[in-house]
Structure formats: structure tokens, C-alpha cells
Amino acid sequence: MHQTAHVAAPDALCLRPFRPGDQPAARALILAGLAERWGALDPTLNPDLDDIAASYAGGVFLVATLGDRLVGTGALRPWSSGTGLACEDAEIVRMSVATDVRRQGIGRHILDALCAAARARGCRRVVLETTSTWTDAITFYEGAGFRRTHTQGGDTYFALDL
């Protein structure tokens, strides 16, 4: 397992599983992050956010809160081998942290928890992708020990062996 130093998350941070009451705030946070990156956004391109609980029922969807405010999200989708919860690979998606609280360790805290969840399910590898022009995201994932596997269609793909 790759070990790197990272910023500790704020003391008041609470990381927990998604609850149905988180739906509006989680959806808004993720869409705001996408709009920030793309300049405009078509919310119809993100149907999984219309019912997060149903869309991620087979995986793990975490939210990070500071007080009553939802400030981060991240999800794990296992690629099942067909035998219970065991999986060979799992995919991390929907990593998002509110703009005003970035670079405080929140994203790393979410990412570490998702990797731990993948390990607990017996996954051997975690994969993810991000847009190739999002250099801060690429630096973040590489700093967490992920290695680039390939690029395709403007996206960069990563893997981390667990």
C-alpha cells in the first residue's frame, strides 16, 4: 500500500454515509463543482444525481459535513465478481469538495475512506478517471498514490492497487 503524507481534515469534519435528506445538498454540491469546471452545465447529463440513494445502492456514497453544511461527496461502485460483496475492482466517482473548503484534507479523507471500503469488500484495485485538463485533480490523485493507466477522449484514468 502506498503511504503519503497529507493534510489532516478539519477537526469539525464528519464523514458519514449518505442519507436521503442529503439529496438536495449533495446534488447541488456536485453540480456546482461541474459547472465551475465546465463553465456551464446540463443537469440532464447526470441522471444518477436525481436519486442518489437508488443510484448507489450497491456501493458506498459518503458525505462530508462541517456542522450542518455538506461540504464533500465521494462514491464507490464495486465491480462485482458475482459472489456476494467481493470484487476485483471498484470505481471511485462523484468526488467533490466545496470550493471554499478545498485544500484542507477533506477530499483526501473521503478518498481514504472509499479505498478502505473497497478493501473491506475484498477489492484488489480501485480505478477512477478525471478530465485531463483538471491538473489539480490529477495532482491530487497522484499524491494519493494512484498511477495513471491511460488517457482517452480527454480523460485521464488512474488505478490504485489495494
Protein backbone atom coordinates (compact mmCIF):
# COMPACT_ATOMS: atom_id res chain seq x y z
CA MET A 1 0.00 0.00 0.00
CA HIS A 2 1.29 3.44 -0.92
CA GLN A 3 1.73 5.80 2.03
CA THR A 4 1.91 9.56 1.55
CA ALA A 5 1.73 12.48 3.94
CA HIS A 6 -1.37 14.58 3.63
CA VAL A 7 -3.18 17.43 5.29
CA ALA A 8 -5.40 16.36 8.17
CA ALA A 9 -9.09 17.06 7.71
CA PRO A 10 -10.60 19.83 9.86
CA ASP A 11 -11.44 18.71 13.41
CA ALA A 12 -15.14 19.52 12.95
CA LEU A 13 -15.40 17.33 9.84
CA CYS A 14 -17.91 14.49 9.95
CA LEU A 15 -17.67 11.79 7.29
CA ARG A 16 -20.70 9.52 7.07
CA PRO A 17 -22.85 7.51 4.67
CA PHE A 18 -25.35 9.39 2.51
CA ARG A 19 -28.84 9.78 3.93
CA PRO A 20 -31.97 10.57 1.85
CA GLY A 21 -32.14 14.02 3.47
CA ASP A 22 -28.72 14.80 1.95
CA GLN A 23 -30.12 14.51 -1.59
CA PRO A 24 -30.63 18.24 -2.37
CA ALA A 25 -27.32 19.41 -0.88
CA ALA A 26 -25.24 16.56 -2.36
CA ARG A 27 -26.73 17.04 -5.83
CA ALA A 28 -26.23 20.82 -5.65
CA LEU A 29 -22.61 20.47 -4.50
CA ILE A 30 -21.67 18.06 -7.27
CA LEU A 31 -23.44 20.07 -9.99
CA ALA A 32 -21.86 23.32 -8.74
CA GLY A 33 -18.43 21.71 -8.98
CA LEU A 34 -19.12 20.52 -12.51
CA ALA A 35 -20.44 23.95 -13.54
CA GLU A 36 -17.30 25.55 -12.07
CA ARG A 37 -15.12 23.23 -14.15
CA TRP A 38 -17.10 23.41 -17.39
CA GLY A 39 -18.47 26.97 -17.19
CA ALA A 40 -21.98 25.70 -17.97
CA LEU A 41 -23.86 22.56 -17.14
CA ASP A 42 -26.64 20.40 -18.50
CA PRO A 43 -28.06 18.66 -15.39
CA THR A 44 -29.78 16.05 -17.58
CA LEU A 45 -26.31 14.58 -18.25
CA ASN A 46 -26.13 13.48 -14.60
CA PRO A 47 -29.21 11.28 -14.03
CA ASP A 48 -27.53 9.34 -11.20
CA LEU A 49 -27.87 12.50 -9.09
CA ASP A 50 -31.67 12.53 -9.35
CA ASP A 51 -31.89 9.70 -6.78
CA ILE A 52 -28.50 9.17 -5.19
CA ALA A 53 -29.71 6.50 -2.76
CA ALA A 54 -31.06 4.35 -5.59
CA SER A 55 -28.18 5.05 -7.98
CA TYR A 56 -25.53 3.99 -5.46
CA ALA A 57 -27.49 1.33 -3.55
CA GLY A 58 -24.90 -1.35 -4.40
CA GLY A 59 -21.96 0.78 -3.40
CA VAL A 60 -20.89 3.41 -0.90
CA PHE A 61 -21.78 7.10 -1.13
CA LEU A 62 -20.14 9.26 1.53
CA VAL A 63 -20.80 12.84 2.52
CA ALA A 64 -18.55 15.15 4.50
CA THR A 65 -20.11 17.80 6.69
CA LEU A 66 -18.80 20.74 8.66
CA GLY A 67 -21.51 21.48 11.20
CA ASP A 68 -24.81 21.37 9.34
CA ARG A 69 -23.19 22.08 5.96
CA LEU A 70 -22.50 19.33 3.43
CA VAL A 71 -19.05 20.15 2.00
CA GLY A 72 -17.92 16.99 0.22
CA THR A 73 -19.01 13.83 -1.53
CA GLY A 74 -17.48 10.68 -2.95
CA ALA A 75 -18.81 7.32 -4.09
CA LEU A 76 -17.52 3.81 -4.63
CA ARG A 77 -19.07 1.45 -7.15
CA PRO A 78 -17.76 -2.11 -6.85
CA TRP A 79 -17.49 -4.23 -9.97
CA SER A 80 -18.80 -7.45 -8.50
CA SER A 81 -17.42 -10.84 -9.38
CA GLY A 82 -20.91 -12.20 -8.79
CA THR A 83 -20.17 -13.66 -5.36
CA GLY A 84 -21.55 -11.55 -2.54
CA LEU A 85 -19.70 -8.33 -1.79
CA ALA A 86 -16.31 -9.47 -3.12
CA CYS A 87 -14.99 -7.60 -6.12
CA GLU A 88 -11.87 -7.45 -8.20
CA ASP A 89 -12.07 -3.72 -8.96
CA ALA A 90 -14.12 -0.79 -7.74
CA GLU A 91 -14.57 2.66 -9.25
CA ILE A 92 -14.47 5.94 -7.36
CA VAL A 93 -16.84 8.58 -8.70
CA ARG A 94 -18.52 11.82 -7.64
CA MET A 95 -15.56 13.20 -5.70
CA SER A 96 -16.48 16.80 -4.96
CA VAL A 97 -15.48 19.33 -2.29
CA ALA A 98 -16.98 22.81 -1.87
CA THR A 99 -14.73 25.46 -3.37
CA ASP A 100 -14.23 27.47 -0.18
CA VAL A 101 -13.00 24.49 1.87
CA ARG A 102 -10.69 22.81 -0.62
CA ARG A 103 -7.06 22.04 0.24
CA GLN A 104 -7.95 21.28 3.86
CA GLY A 105 -7.73 17.47 3.63
CA ILE A 106 -11.45 16.86 3.12
CA GLY A 107 -11.08 15.24 -0.30
CA ARG A 108 -8.23 13.05 0.92
CA HIS A 109 -10.30 11.98 3.94
CA ILE A 110 -13.15 10.94 1.62
CA LEU A 111 -10.77 9.19 -0.79
CA ASP A 112 -9.06 7.25 2.00
CA ALA A 113 -12.44 6.14 3.40
CA LEU A 114 -13.59 4.95 -0.03
CA CYS A 115 -10.38 2.97 -0.51
CA ALA A 116 -10.88 1.42 2.94
CA ALA A 117 -14.44 0.47 1.97
CA ALA A 118 -13.13 -1.16 -1.21
CA ARG A 119 -10.56 -3.14 0.81
CA ALA A 120 -13.28 -4.23 3.25
CA ARG A 121 -15.28 -5.58 0.30
CA GLY A 122 -12.30 -7.59 -0.89
CA CYS A 123 -11.50 -5.41 -3.88
CA ARG A 124 -7.98 -5.67 -5.22
CA ARG A 125 -7.87 -2.40 -7.16
CA VAL A 126 -9.61 0.97 -7.26
CA VAL A 127 -9.92 2.88 -10.51
CA LEU A 128 -11.11 6.39 -11.35
CA GLU A 129 -11.00 8.96 -14.11
CA THR A 130 -10.91 12.72 -14.38
CA THR A 131 -10.77 15.26 -17.17
CA SER A 132 -7.20 15.60 -18.47
CA THR A 133 -7.20 19.40 -18.21
CA TRP A 134 -8.06 19.33 -14.48
CA THR A 135 -4.43 19.37 -13.37
CA ASP A 136 -5.29 19.96 -9.70
CA ALA A 137 -7.40 16.79 -9.66
CA ILE A 138 -4.64 14.83 -11.40
CA THR A 139 -2.08 16.09 -8.86
CA PHE A 140 -4.46 15.17 -6.02
CA TYR A 141 -4.94 11.57 -7.21
CA GLU A 142 -1.24 11.07 -7.93
CA GLY A 143 -0.42 12.44 -4.47
CA ALA A 144 -2.75 9.82 -3.00
CA GLY A 145 -0.76 7.05 -4.70
CA PHE A 146 -2.89 6.49 -7.80
CA ARG A 147 -0.98 5.80 -11.01
CA ARG A 148 -2.04 6.91 -14.46
CA THR A 149 -3.07 3.99 -16.62
CA HIS A 150 -4.09 5.73 -19.84
CA THR A 151 -5.82 8.70 -21.44
CA GLN A 152 -8.78 8.52 -23.74
CA GLY A 153 -11.07 11.16 -25.22
CA GLY A 154 -9.86 13.97 -22.99
CA ASP A 155 -9.95 11.90 -19.79
CA THR A 156 -7.10 10.52 -17.69
CA TYR A 157 -7.60 7.15 -16.00
CA PHE A 158 -5.98 6.02 -12.76
CA ALA A 159 -5.63 2.86 -10.67
CA LEU A 160 -4.51 2.05 -7.14
CA ASP A 161 -3.67 -1.49 -6.11
CA LEU A 162 -5.03 -2.18 -2.62
